[in-house]
Amino acid sequence: MDVTVAGHHVDVTDSLREYVQTKMARLERHSDQMTDIHCILTVEKLEHRAEATIHLSGGKIHADSVEENMYAAVDTLIDKLDRQVIKHKEKHTDHHAREVDKPRFG
């Protein structure tokens, strides 16, 4: 999985880039269909915005977060993406049990 971190009106330091990549690695345990993630970190006055787009085999997932601290914005963003990835995985998983192994009564 390729993680790209870009900054608008903010210098993306090595520690911030490593923090984002570490948090994004958490998403891999829910889905192995992710090809790449593009994350943009923006600062506008007192708002710290983090937004990301995940490219999956079945489409794209996008989320954004605005907080007073960049690390808090990244944490909130990861929580939102985590829920969306789980929802996407459940949509594409067949939940119907196979009838072959089950005994029939009646």
PDB file of N, CA and C in Angstrom:
ATOM      1  N   MET A   1       0.843  -1.167   0.000  1.00  0.00           N
ATOM      2  CA  MET A   1       0.000   0.000   0.000  1.00  0.00           C
ATOM      3  C   MET A   1       0.893   1.236   0.000  1.00  0.00           C
ATOM      4  N   ASP A   2       0.591   2.167  -0.868  1.00  0.00           N
ATOM      5  CA  ASP A   2       1.375   3.380  -1.019  1.00  0.00           C
ATOM      6  C   ASP A   2       0.652   4.532  -0.323  1.00  0.00           C
ATOM      7  N   VAL A   3       1.307   5.198   0.634  1.00  0.00           N
ATOM      8  CA  VAL A   3       0.720   6.328   1.361  1.00  0.00           C
ATOM      9  C   VAL A   3       1.449   7.595   0.936  1.00  0.00           C
ATOM     10  N   THR A   4       0.694   8.560   0.400  1.00  0.00           N
ATOM     11  CA  THR A   4       1.241   9.836   0.002  1.00  0.00           C
ATOM     12  C   THR A   4       0.708  10.908   0.941  1.00  0.00           C
ATOM     13  N   VAL A   5       1.619  11.687   1.547  1.00  0.00           N
ATOM     14  CA  VAL A   5       1.217  12.748   2.466  1.00  0.00           C
ATOM     15  C   VAL A   5       1.694  14.071   1.884  1.00  0.00           C
ATOM     16  N   ALA A   6       0.747  15.001   1.693  1.00  0.00           N
ATOM     17  CA  ALA A   6       1.066  16.315   1.146  1.00  0.00           C
ATOM     18  C   ALA A   6       0.563  17.383   2.101  1.00  0.00           C
ATOM     19  N   GLY A   7       1.147  18.562   2.021  1.00  0.00           N
ATOM     20  CA  GLY A   7       0.733  19.651   2.896  1.00  0.00           C
ATOM     21  C   GLY A   7       0.436  20.915   2.122  1.00  0.00           C
ATOM     22  N   HIS A   8      -0.629  21.609   2.520  1.00  0.00           N
ATOM     23  CA  HIS A   8      -0.979  22.908   1.964  1.00  0.00           C
ATOM     24  C   HIS A   8      -0.851  23.925   3.085  1.00  0.00           C
ATOM     25  N   HIS A   9       0.010  24.905   2.903  1.00  0.00           N
ATOM     26  CA  HIS A   9       0.262  25.954   3.887  1.00  0.00           C
ATOM     27  C   HIS A   9       0.824  25.382   5.185  1.00  0.00           C
ATOM     28  N   VAL A  10       1.458  24.224   5.102  1.00  0.00           N
ATOM     29  CA  VAL A  10       2.081  23.611   6.260  1.00  0.00           C
ATOM     30  C   VAL A  10       3.249  22.745   5.792  1.00  0.00           C
ATOM     31  N   ASP A  11       4.333  22.771   6.546  1.00  0.00           N
ATOM     32  CA  ASP A  11       5.455  21.889   6.251  1.00  0.00           C
ATOM     33  C   ASP A  11       5.184  20.548   6.913  1.00  0.00           C
ATOM     34  N   VAL A  12       5.216  19.496   6.119  1.00  0.00           N
ATOM     35  CA  VAL A  12       4.995  18.159   6.644  1.00  0.00           C
ATOM     36  C   VAL A  12       6.346  17.650   7.147  1.00  0.00           C
ATOM     37  N   THR A  13       6.482  17.621   8.466  1.00  0.00           N
ATOM     38  CA  THR A  13       7.730  17.166   9.065  1.00  0.00           C
ATOM     39  C   THR A  13       7.820  15.646   9.005  1.00  0.00           C
ATOM     40  N   ASP A  14       9.018  15.143   9.248  1.00  0.00           N
ATOM     41  CA  ASP A  14       9.205  13.692   9.227  1.00  0.00           C
ATOM     42  C   ASP A  14       8.382  13.010  10.308  1.00  0.00           C
ATOM     43  N   SER A  15       8.280  13.630  11.485  1.00  0.00           N
ATOM     44  CA  SER A  15       7.501  13.016  12.561  1.00  0.00           C
ATOM     45  C   SER A  15       6.014  13.000  12.231  1.00  0.00           C
ATOM     46  N   LEU A  16       5.520  14.050  11.606  1.00  0.00           N
ATOM     47  CA  LEU A  16       4.109  14.097  11.217  1.00  0.00           C
ATOM     48  C   LEU A  16       3.821  13.081  10.109  1.00  0.00           C
ATOM     49  N   ARG A  17       4.723  12.971   9.140  1.00  0.00           N
ATOM     50  CA  ARG A  17       4.571  12.006   8.057  1.00  0.00           C
ATOM     51  C   ARG A  17       4.590  10.575   8.610  1.00  0.00           C
ATOM     52  N   GLU A  18       5.494  10.303   9.537  1.00  0.00           N
ATOM     53  CA  GLU A  18       5.574   8.968  10.138  1.00  0.00           C
ATOM     54  C   GLU A  18       4.322   8.670  10.967  1.00  0.00           C
ATOM     55  N   TYR A  19       3.782   9.691  11.662  1.00  0.00           N
ATOM     56  CA  TYR A  19       2.564   9.520  12.457  1.00  0.00           C
ATOM     57  C   TYR A  19       1.389   9.143  11.560  1.00  0.00           C
ATOM     58  N   VAL A  20       1.251   9.837  10.434  1.00  0.00           N
ATOM     59  CA  VAL A  20       0.161   9.555   9.496  1.00  0.00           C
ATOM     60  C   VAL A  20       0.317   8.145   8.920  1.00  0.00           C
ATOM     61  N   GLN A  21       1.525   7.776   8.525  1.00  0.00           N
ATOM     62  CA  GLN A  21       1.735   6.456   7.935  1.00  0.00           C
ATOM     63  C   GLN A  21       1.500   5.350   8.954  1.00  0.00           C
ATOM     64  N   THR A  22       1.864   5.576  10.200  1.00  0.00           N
ATOM     65  CA  THR A  22       1.623   4.580  11.247  1.00  0.00           C
ATOM     66  C   THR A  22       0.135   4.387  11.477  1.00  0.00           C
ATOM     67  N   LYS A  23      -0.606   5.489  11.515  1.00  0.00           N
ATOM     68  CA  LYS A  23      -2.048   5.407  11.727  1.00  0.00           C
ATOM     69  C   LYS A  23      -2.750   4.779  10.519  1.00  0.00           C
ATOM     70  N   MET A  24      -2.285   5.076   9.319  1.00  0.00           N
ATOM     71  CA  MET A  24      -2.885   4.501   8.119  1.00  0.00           C
ATOM     72  C   MET A  24      -2.661   2.992   8.042  1.00  0.00           C
ATOM     73  N   ALA A  25      -1.569   2.518   8.623  1.00  0.00           N
ATOM     74  CA  ALA A  25      -1.294   1.084   8.625  1.00  0.00           C
ATOM     75  C   ALA A  25      -2.367   0.327   9.402  1.00  0.00           C
ATOM     76  N   ARG A  26      -3.042   1.014  10.322  1.00  0.00           N
ATOM     77  CA  ARG A  26      -4.131   0.404  11.086  1.00  0.00           C
ATOM     78  C   ARG A  26      -5.278  -0.015  10.177  1.00  0.00           C
ATOM     79  N   LEU A  27      -5.459   0.691   9.068  1.00  0.00           N
ATOM     80  CA  LEU A  27      -6.549   0.395   8.141  1.00  0.00           C
ATOM     81  C   LEU A  27      -6.306  -0.897   7.359  1.00  0.00           C
ATOM     82  N   GLU A  28      -5.046  -1.296   7.225  1.00  0.00           N
ATOM     83  CA  GLU A  28      -4.720  -2.486   6.437  1.00  0.00           C
ATOM     84  C   GLU A  28      -5.276  -3.760   7.043  1.00  0.00           C
ATOM     85  N   ARG A  29      -5.469  -3.792   8.352  1.00  0.00           N
ATOM     86  CA  ARG A  29      -5.953  -5.027   8.970  1.00  0.00           C
ATOM     87  C   ARG A  29      -7.412  -5.306   8.642  1.00  0.00           C
ATOM     88  N   HIS A  30      -8.139  -4.300   8.145  1.00  0.00           N
ATOM     89  CA  HIS A  30      -9.543  -4.494   7.792  1.00  0.00           C
ATOM     90  C   HIS A  30      -9.735  -4.837   6.320  1.00  0.00           C
ATOM     91  N   SER A  31      -8.828  -4.386   5.480  1.00  0.00           N
ATOM     92  CA  SER A  31      -8.998  -4.646   4.057  1.00  0.00           C
ATOM     93  C   SER A  31      -7.629  -4.737   3.391  1.00  0.00           C
ATOM     94  N   ASP A  32      -7.447  -5.771   2.599  1.00  0.00           N
ATOM     95  CA  ASP A  32      -6.194  -5.912   1.858  1.00  0.00           C
ATOM     96  C   ASP A  32      -6.355  -5.485   0.400  1.00  0.00           C
ATOM     97  N   GLN A  33      -7.474  -4.850   0.076  1.00  0.00           N
ATOM     98  CA  GLN A  33      -7.757  -4.431  -1.287  1.00  0.00           C
ATOM     99  C   GLN A  33      -7.322  -2.991  -1.562  1.00  0.00           C
ATOM    100  N   MET A  34      -6.695  -2.316  -0.599  1.00  0.00           N
ATOM    101  CA  MET A  34      -6.286  -0.925  -0.771  1.00  0.00           C
ATOM    102  C   MET A  34      -5.048  -0.857  -1.657  1.00  0.00           C
ATOM    103  N   THR A  35      -5.103   0.004  -2.659  1.00  0.00           N
ATOM    104  CA  THR A  35      -3.950   0.157  -3.535  1.00  0.00           C
ATOM    105  C   THR A  35      -3.098   1.347  -3.103  1.00  0.00           C
ATOM    106  N   ASP A  36      -3.721   2.495  -2.858  1.00  0.00           N
ATOM    107  CA  ASP A  36      -2.963   3.642  -2.371  1.00  0.00           C
ATOM    108  C   ASP A  36      -3.860   4.593  -1.590  1.00  0.00           C
ATOM    109  N   ILE A  37      -3.203   5.429  -0.780  1.00  0.00           N
ATOM    110  CA  ILE A  37      -3.888   6.428   0.046  1.00  0.00           C
ATOM    111  C   ILE A  37      -3.213   7.763  -0.207  1.00  0.00           C
ATOM    112  N   HIS A  38      -4.018   8.775  -0.462  1.00  0.00           N
ATOM    113  CA  HIS A  38      -3.508  10.130  -0.664  1.00  0.00           C
ATOM    114  C   HIS A  38      -4.062  11.000   0.462  1.00  0.00           C
ATOM    115  N   CYS A  39      -3.181  11.542   1.288  1.00  0.00           N
ATOM    116  CA  CYS A  39      -3.577  12.340   2.448  1.00  0.00           C
ATOM    117  C   CYS A  39      -3.078  13.770   2.269  1.00  0.00           C
ATOM    118  N   ILE A  40      -3.955  14.738   2.529  1.00  0.00           N
ATOM    119  CA  ILE A  40      -3.609  16.155   2.415  1.00  0.00           C
ATOM    120  C   ILE A  40      -3.836  16.806   3.773  1.00  0.00           C
ATOM    121  N   LEU A  41      -2.812  17.485   4.280  1.00  0.00           N
ATOM    122  CA  LEU A  41      -2.880  18.201   5.549  1.00  0.00           C
ATOM    123  C   LEU A  41      -2.863  19.695   5.250  1.00  0.00           C
ATOM    124  N   THR A  42      -3.828  20.433   5.795  1.00  0.00           N
ATOM    125  CA  THR A  42      -3.981  21.849   5.498  1.00  0.00           C
ATOM    126  C   THR A  42      -4.137  22.640   6.788  1.00  0.00           C
ATOM    127  N   VAL A  43      -3.559  23.832   6.814  1.00  0.00           N
ATOM    128  CA  VAL A  43      -3.755  24.744   7.941  1.00  0.00           C
ATOM    129  C   VAL A  43      -4.334  26.043   7.396  1.00  0.00           C
ATOM    130  N   GLU A  44      -5.497  26.442   7.917  1.00  0.00           N
ATOM    131  CA  GLU A  44      -6.131  27.714   7.562  1.00  0.00           C
ATOM    132  C   GLU A  44      -6.502  28.426   8.847  1.00  0.00           C
ATOM    133  N   LYS A  45      -5.798  29.490   9.158  1.00  0.00           N
ATOM    134  CA  LYS A  45      -5.957  30.238  10.406  1.00  0.00           C
ATOM    135  C   LYS A  45      -5.828  29.300  11.595  1.00  0.00           C
ATOM    136  N   LEU A  46      -6.875  29.039  12.322  1.00  0.00           N
ATOM    137  CA  LEU A  46      -6.802  28.165  13.498  1.00  0.00           C
ATOM    138  C   LEU A  46      -7.324  26.766  13.224  1.00  0.00           C
ATOM    139  N   GLU A  47      -7.725  26.481  11.990  1.00  0.00           N
ATOM    140  CA  GLU A  47      -8.263  25.173  11.640  1.00  0.00           C
ATOM    141  C   GLU A  47      -7.167  24.292  11.046  1.00  0.00           C
ATOM    142  N   HIS A  48      -7.037  23.110  11.589  1.00  0.00           N
ATOM    143  CA  HIS A  48      -6.128  22.107  11.044  1.00  0.00           C
ATOM    144  C   HIS A  48      -6.999  21.042  10.388  1.00  0.00           C
ATOM    145  N   ARG A  49      -6.834  20.880   9.087  1.00  0.00           N
ATOM    146  CA  ARG A  49      -7.677  19.963   8.328  1.00  0.00           C
ATOM    147  C   ARG A  49      -6.824  18.811   7.799  1.00  0.00           C
ATOM    148  N   ALA A  50      -7.362  17.617   7.958  1.00  0.00           N
ATOM    149  CA  ALA A  50      -6.734  16.423   7.384  1.00  0.00           C
ATOM    150  C   ALA A  50      -7.789  15.734   6.533  1.00  0.00           C
ATOM    151  N   GLU A  51      -7.441  15.420   5.295  1.00  0.00           N
ATOM    152  CA  GLU A  51      -8.369  14.715   4.416  1.00  0.00           C
ATOM    153  C   GLU A  51      -7.598  13.633   3.661  1.00  0.00           C
ATOM    154  N   ALA A  52      -8.310  12.570   3.351  1.00  0.00           N
ATOM    155  CA  ALA A  52      -7.651  11.449   2.683  1.00  0.00           C
ATOM    156  C   ALA A  52      -8.616  10.769   1.720  1.00  0.00           C
ATOM    157  N   THR A  53      -8.034  10.208   0.674  1.00  0.00           N
ATOM    158  CA  THR A  53      -8.772   9.402  -0.288  1.00  0.00           C
ATOM    159  C   THR A  53      -8.083   8.050  -0.393  1.00  0.00           C
ATOM    160  N   ILE A  54      -8.861   6.992  -0.208  1.00  0.00           N
ATOM    161  CA  ILE A  54      -8.344   5.633  -0.309  1.00  0.00           C
ATOM    162  C   ILE A  54      -8.868   5.024  -1.599  1.00  0.00           C
ATOM    163  N   HIS A  55      -7.978   4.488  -2.403  1.00  0.00           N
ATOM    164  CA  HIS A  55      -8.353   3.808  -3.627  1.00  0.00           C
ATOM    165  C   HIS A  55      -8.422   2.315  -3.329  1.00  0.00           C
ATOM    166  N   LEU A  56      -9.613   1.758  -3.480  1.00  0.00           N
ATOM    167  CA  LEU A  56      -9.854   0.333  -3.263  1.00  0.00           C
ATOM    168  C   LEU A  56     -10.139  -0.337  -4.593  1.00  0.00           C
ATOM    169  N   SER A  57     -10.159  -1.654  -4.586  1.00  0.00           N
ATOM    170  CA  SER A  57     -10.471  -2.365  -5.821  1.00  0.00           C
ATOM    171  C   SER A  57     -11.922  -2.132  -6.242  1.00  0.00           C
ATOM    172  N   GLY A  58     -12.799  -1.781  -5.294  1.00  0.00           N
ATOM    173  CA  GLY A  58     -14.205  -1.560  -5.608  1.00  0.00           C
ATOM    174  C   GLY A  58     -14.598  -0.101  -5.703  1.00  0.00           C
ATOM    175  N   GLY A  59     -13.664   0.821  -5.584  1.00  0.00           N
ATOM    176  CA  GLY A  59     -14.000   2.240  -5.658  1.00  0.00           C
ATOM    177  C   GLY A  59     -13.074   3.092  -4.817  1.00  0.00           C
ATOM    178  N   LYS A  60     -13.605   4.237  -4.367  1.00  0.00           N
ATOM    179  CA  LYS A  60     -12.839   5.179  -3.568  1.00  0.00           C
ATOM    180  C   LYS A  60     -13.580   5.487  -2.275  1.00  0.00           C
ATOM    181  N   ILE A  61     -12.816   5.806  -1.250  1.00  0.00           N
ATOM    182  CA  ILE A  61     -13.371   6.255   0.023  1.00  0.00           C
ATOM    183  C   ILE A  61     -12.691   7.570   0.357  1.00  0.00           C
ATOM    184  N   HIS A  62     -13.496   8.581   0.732  1.00  0.00           N
ATOM    185  CA  HIS A  62     -12.956   9.890   1.065  1.00  0.00           C
ATOM    186  C   HIS A  62     -13.502  10.334   2.417  1.00  0.00           C
ATOM    187  N   ALA A  63     -12.656  10.963   3.219  1.00  0.00           N
ATOM    188  CA  ALA A  63     -13.088  11.525   4.495  1.00  0.00           C
ATOM    189  C   ALA A  63     -12.208  12.726   4.811  1.00  0.00           C
ATOM    190  N   ASP A  64     -12.745  13.634   5.625  1.00  0.00           N
ATOM    191  CA  ASP A  64     -11.947  14.764   6.090  1.00  0.00           C
ATOM    192  C   ASP A  64     -12.301  15.083   7.533  1.00  0.00           C
ATOM    193  N   SER A  65     -11.404  15.814   8.180  1.00  0.00           N
ATOM    194  CA  SER A  65     -11.571  16.134   9.582  1.00  0.00           C
ATOM    195  C   SER A  65     -10.971  17.502   9.853  1.00  0.00           C
ATOM    196  N   VAL A  66     -11.625  18.283  10.714  1.00  0.00           N
ATOM    197  CA  VAL A  66     -11.130  19.598  11.102  1.00  0.00           C
ATOM    198  C   VAL A  66     -11.053  19.648  12.624  1.00  0.00           C
ATOM    199  N   GLU A  67      -9.881  19.979  13.138  1.00  0.00           N
ATOM    200  CA  GLU A  67      -9.649  20.076  14.578  1.00  0.00           C
ATOM    201  C   GLU A  67      -8.749  21.275  14.854  1.00  0.00           C
ATOM    202  N   GLU A  68      -8.481  21.516  16.131  1.00  0.00           N
ATOM    203  CA  GLU A  68      -7.589  22.614  16.511  1.00  0.00           C
ATOM    204  C   GLU A  68      -6.129  22.175  16.520  1.00  0.00           C
ATOM    205  N   ASN A  69      -5.882  20.878  16.472  1.00  0.00           N
ATOM    206  CA  ASN A  69      -4.540  20.322  16.493  1.00  0.00           C
ATOM    207  C   ASN A  69      -4.413  19.354  15.319  1.00  0.00           C
ATOM    208  N   MET A  70      -3.273  19.339  14.638  1.00  0.00           N
ATOM    209  CA  MET A  70      -3.115  18.484  13.469  1.00  0.00           C
ATOM    210  C   MET A  70      -3.146  17.001  13.838  1.00  0.00           C
ATOM    211  N   TYR A  71      -2.535  16.656  14.968  1.00  0.00           N
ATOM    212  CA  TYR A  71      -2.534  15.251  15.381  1.00  0.00           C
ATOM    213  C   TYR A  71      -3.946  14.780  15.733  1.00  0.00           C
ATOM    214  N   ALA A  72      -4.736  15.647  16.346  1.00  0.00           N
ATOM    215  CA  ALA A  72      -6.135  15.299  16.654  1.00  0.00           C
ATOM    216  C   ALA A  72      -6.941  15.159  15.368  1.00  0.00           C
ATOM    217  N   ALA A  73      -6.657  16.009  14.374  1.00  0.00           N
ATOM    218  CA  ALA A  73      -7.349  15.916  13.084  1.00  0.00           C
ATOM    219  C   ALA A  73      -7.018  14.598  12.396  1.00  0.00           C
ATOM    220  N   VAL A  74      -5.772  14.161  12.478  1.00  0.00           N
ATOM    221  CA  VAL A  74      -5.373  12.892  11.873  1.00  0.00           C
ATOM    222  C   VAL A  74      -6.063  11.731  12.591  1.00  0.00           C
ATOM    223  N   ASP A  75      -6.125  11.797  13.923  1.00  0.00           N
ATOM    224  CA  ASP A  75      -6.792  10.731  14.687  1.00  0.00           C
ATOM    225  C   ASP A  75      -8.265  10.622  14.312  1.00  0.00           C
ATOM    226  N   THR A  76      -8.954  11.747  14.222  1.00  0.00           N
ATOM    227  CA  THR A  76     -10.365  11.743  13.846  1.00  0.00           C
ATOM    228  C   THR A  76     -10.553  11.231  12.425  1.00  0.00           C
ATOM    229  N   LEU A  77      -9.658  11.629  11.533  1.00  0.00           N
ATOM    230  CA  LEU A  77      -9.700  11.164  10.140  1.00  0.00           C
ATOM    231  C   LEU A  77      -9.554   9.650  10.064  1.00  0.00           C
ATOM    232  N   ILE A  78      -8.623   9.098  10.815  1.00  0.00           N
ATOM    233  CA  ILE A  78      -8.404   7.650  10.797  1.00  0.00           C
ATOM    234  C   ILE A  78      -9.627   6.917  11.318  1.00  0.00           C
ATOM    235  N   ASP A  79     -10.270   7.450  12.360  1.00  0.00           N
ATOM    236  CA  ASP A  79     -11.486   6.824  12.887  1.00  0.00           C
ATOM    237  C   ASP A  79     -12.588   6.796  11.830  1.00  0.00           C
ATOM    238  N   LYS A  80     -12.751   7.905  11.105  1.00  0.00           N
ATOM    239  CA  LYS A  80     -13.771   7.962  10.057  1.00  0.00           C
ATOM    240  C   LYS A  80     -13.462   6.984   8.924  1.00  0.00           C
ATOM    241  N   LEU A  81     -12.206   6.957   8.493  1.00  0.00           N
ATOM    242  CA  LEU A  81     -11.820   6.047   7.421  1.00  0.00           C
ATOM    243  C   LEU A  81     -11.960   4.590   7.846  1.00  0.00           C
ATOM    244  N   ASP A  82     -11.642   4.316   9.098  1.00  0.00           N
ATOM    245  CA  ASP A  82     -11.753   2.950   9.616  1.00  0.00           C
ATOM    246  C   ASP A  82     -13.196   2.456   9.526  1.00  0.00           C
ATOM    247  N   ARG A  83     -14.141   3.292   9.940  1.00  0.00           N
ATOM    248  CA  ARG A  83     -15.561   2.912   9.859  1.00  0.00           C
ATOM    249  C   ARG A  83     -15.985   2.705   8.414  1.00  0.00           C
ATOM    250  N   GLN A  84     -15.528   3.565   7.512  1.00  0.00           N
ATOM    251  CA  GLN A  84     -15.926   3.450   6.112  1.00  0.00           C
ATOM    252  C   GLN A  84     -15.325   2.213   5.447  1.00  0.00           C
ATOM    253  N   VAL A  85     -14.090   1.866   5.798  1.00  0.00           N
ATOM    254  CA  VAL A  85     -13.459   0.679   5.225  1.00  0.00           C
ATOM    255  C   VAL A  85     -14.177  -0.580   5.705  1.00  0.00           C
ATOM    256  N   ILE A  86     -14.538  -0.616   6.983  1.00  0.00           N
ATOM    257  CA  ILE A  86     -15.282  -1.764   7.512  1.00  0.00           C
ATOM    258  C   ILE A  86     -16.635  -1.886   6.814  1.00  0.00           C
ATOM    259  N   LYS A  87     -17.324  -0.762   6.623  1.00  0.00           N
ATOM    260  CA  LYS A  87     -18.622  -0.771   5.944  1.00  0.00           C
ATOM    261  C   LYS A  87     -18.471  -1.248   4.500  1.00  0.00           C
ATOM    262  N   HIS A  88     -17.430  -0.783   3.810  1.00  0.00           N
ATOM    263  CA  HIS A  88     -17.176  -1.193   2.428  1.00  0.00           C
ATOM    264  C   HIS A  88     -16.897  -2.688   2.361  1.00  0.00           C
ATOM    265  N   LYS A  89     -16.128  -3.197   3.309  1.00  0.00           N
ATOM    266  CA  LYS A  89     -15.802  -4.620   3.325  1.00  0.00           C
ATOM    267  C   LYS A  89     -17.055  -5.457   3.565  1.00  0.00           C
ATOM    268  N   GLU A  90     -17.928  -5.014   4.469  1.00  0.00           N
ATOM    269  CA  GLU A  90     -19.148  -5.761   4.757  1.00  0.00           C
ATOM    270  C   GLU A  90     -20.107  -5.755   3.571  1.00  0.00           C
ATOM    271  N   LYS A  91     -20.112  -4.694   2.807  1.00  0.00           N
ATOM    272  CA  LYS A  91     -20.970  -4.637   1.624  1.00  0.00           C
ATOM    273  C   LYS A  91     -20.553  -5.664   0.582  1.00  0.00           C
ATOM    274  N   HIS A  92     -19.255  -5.868   0.458  1.00  0.00           N
ATOM    275  CA  HIS A  92     -18.750  -6.744  -0.587  1.00  0.00           C
ATOM    276  C   HIS A  92     -18.495  -8.169  -0.111  1.00  0.00           C
ATOM    277  N   THR A  93     -18.855  -8.479   1.127  1.00  0.00           N
ATOM    278  CA  THR A  93     -18.707  -9.827   1.660  1.00  0.00           C
ATOM    279  C   THR A  93     -20.045 -10.538   1.559  1.00  0.00           C
ATOM    280  N   ASP A  94     -20.021 -11.767   1.121  1.00  0.00           N
ATOM    281  CA  ASP A  94     -21.245 -12.553   1.033  1.00  0.00           C
ATOM    282  C   ASP A  94     -21.568 -13.086   2.425  1.00  0.00           C
ATOM    283  N   HIS A  95     -22.680 -12.640   3.002  1.00  0.00           N
ATOM    284  CA  HIS A  95     -23.056 -13.023   4.353  1.00  0.00           C
ATOM    285  C   HIS A  95     -23.951 -14.259   4.396  1.00  0.00           C
ATOM    286  N   HIS A  96     -24.296 -14.799   3.264  1.00  0.00           N
ATOM    287  CA  HIS A  96     -25.173 -15.953   3.233  1.00  0.00           C
ATOM    288  C   HIS A  96     -24.366 -17.222   3.473  1.00  0.00           C
ATOM    289  N   ALA A  97     -24.819 -18.007   4.428  1.00  0.00           N
ATOM    290  CA  ALA A  97     -24.128 -19.261   4.726  1.00  0.00           C
ATOM    291  C   ALA A  97     -24.438 -20.270   3.628  1.00  0.00           C
ATOM    292  N   ARG A  98     -23.493 -21.112   3.391  1.00  0.00           N
ATOM    293  CA  ARG A  98     -23.707 -22.146   2.370  1.00  0.00           C
ATOM    294  C   ARG A  98     -24.636 -23.206   2.927  1.00  0.00           C
ATOM    295  N   GLU A  99     -25.549 -23.636   2.122  1.00  0.00           N
ATOM    296  CA  GLU A  99     -26.552 -24.607   2.542  1.00  0.00           C
ATOM    297  C   GLU A  99     -26.060 -26.042   2.394  1.00  0.00           C
ATOM    298  N   VAL A 100     -24.884 -26.257   1.855  1.00  0.00           N
ATOM    299  CA  VAL A 100     -24.399 -27.598   1.559  1.00  0.00           C
ATOM    300  C   VAL A 100     -24.121 -28.382   2.841  1.00  0.00           C
ATOM    301  N   ASP A 101     -23.495 -27.778   3.814  1.00  0.00           N
ATOM    302  CA  ASP A 101     -23.056 -28.485   5.009  1.00  0.00           C
ATOM    303  C   ASP A 101     -24.114 -28.550   6.103  1.00  0.00           C
ATOM    304  N   LYS A 102     -25.187 -27.800   5.980  1.00  0.00           N
ATOM    305  CA  LYS A 102     -26.194 -27.745   7.027  1.00  0.00           C
ATOM    306  C   LYS A 102     -27.212 -28.882   6.849  1.00  0.00           C
ATOM    307  N   PRO A 103     -27.516 -29.595   7.926  1.00  0.00           N
ATOM    308  CA  PRO A 103     -28.565 -30.635   7.809  1.00  0.00           C
ATOM    309  C   PRO A 103     -29.933 -29.986   7.705  1.00  0.00           C
ATOM    310  N   ARG A 104     -30.795 -30.604   6.953  1.00  0.00           N
ATOM    311  CA  ARG A 104     -32.162 -30.089   6.778  1.00  0.00           C
ATOM    312  C   ARG A 104     -33.113 -30.878   7.661  1.00  0.00           C
ATOM    313  N   PHE A 105     -33.958 -30.143   8.340  1.00  0.00           N
ATOM    314  CA  PHE A 105     -34.969 -30.753   9.190  1.00  0.00           C
ATOM    315  C   PHE A 105     -36.320 -30.439   8.623  1.00  0.00           C
ATOM    316  N   GLY A 106     -37.218 -31.393   8.676  1.00  0.00           N
ATOM    317  CA  GLY A 106     -38.584 -31.106   8.272  1.00  0.00           C
ATOM    318  C   GLY A 106     -39.014 -31.723   7.062  1.00  0.00           C
TER     319      GLY A 106
END
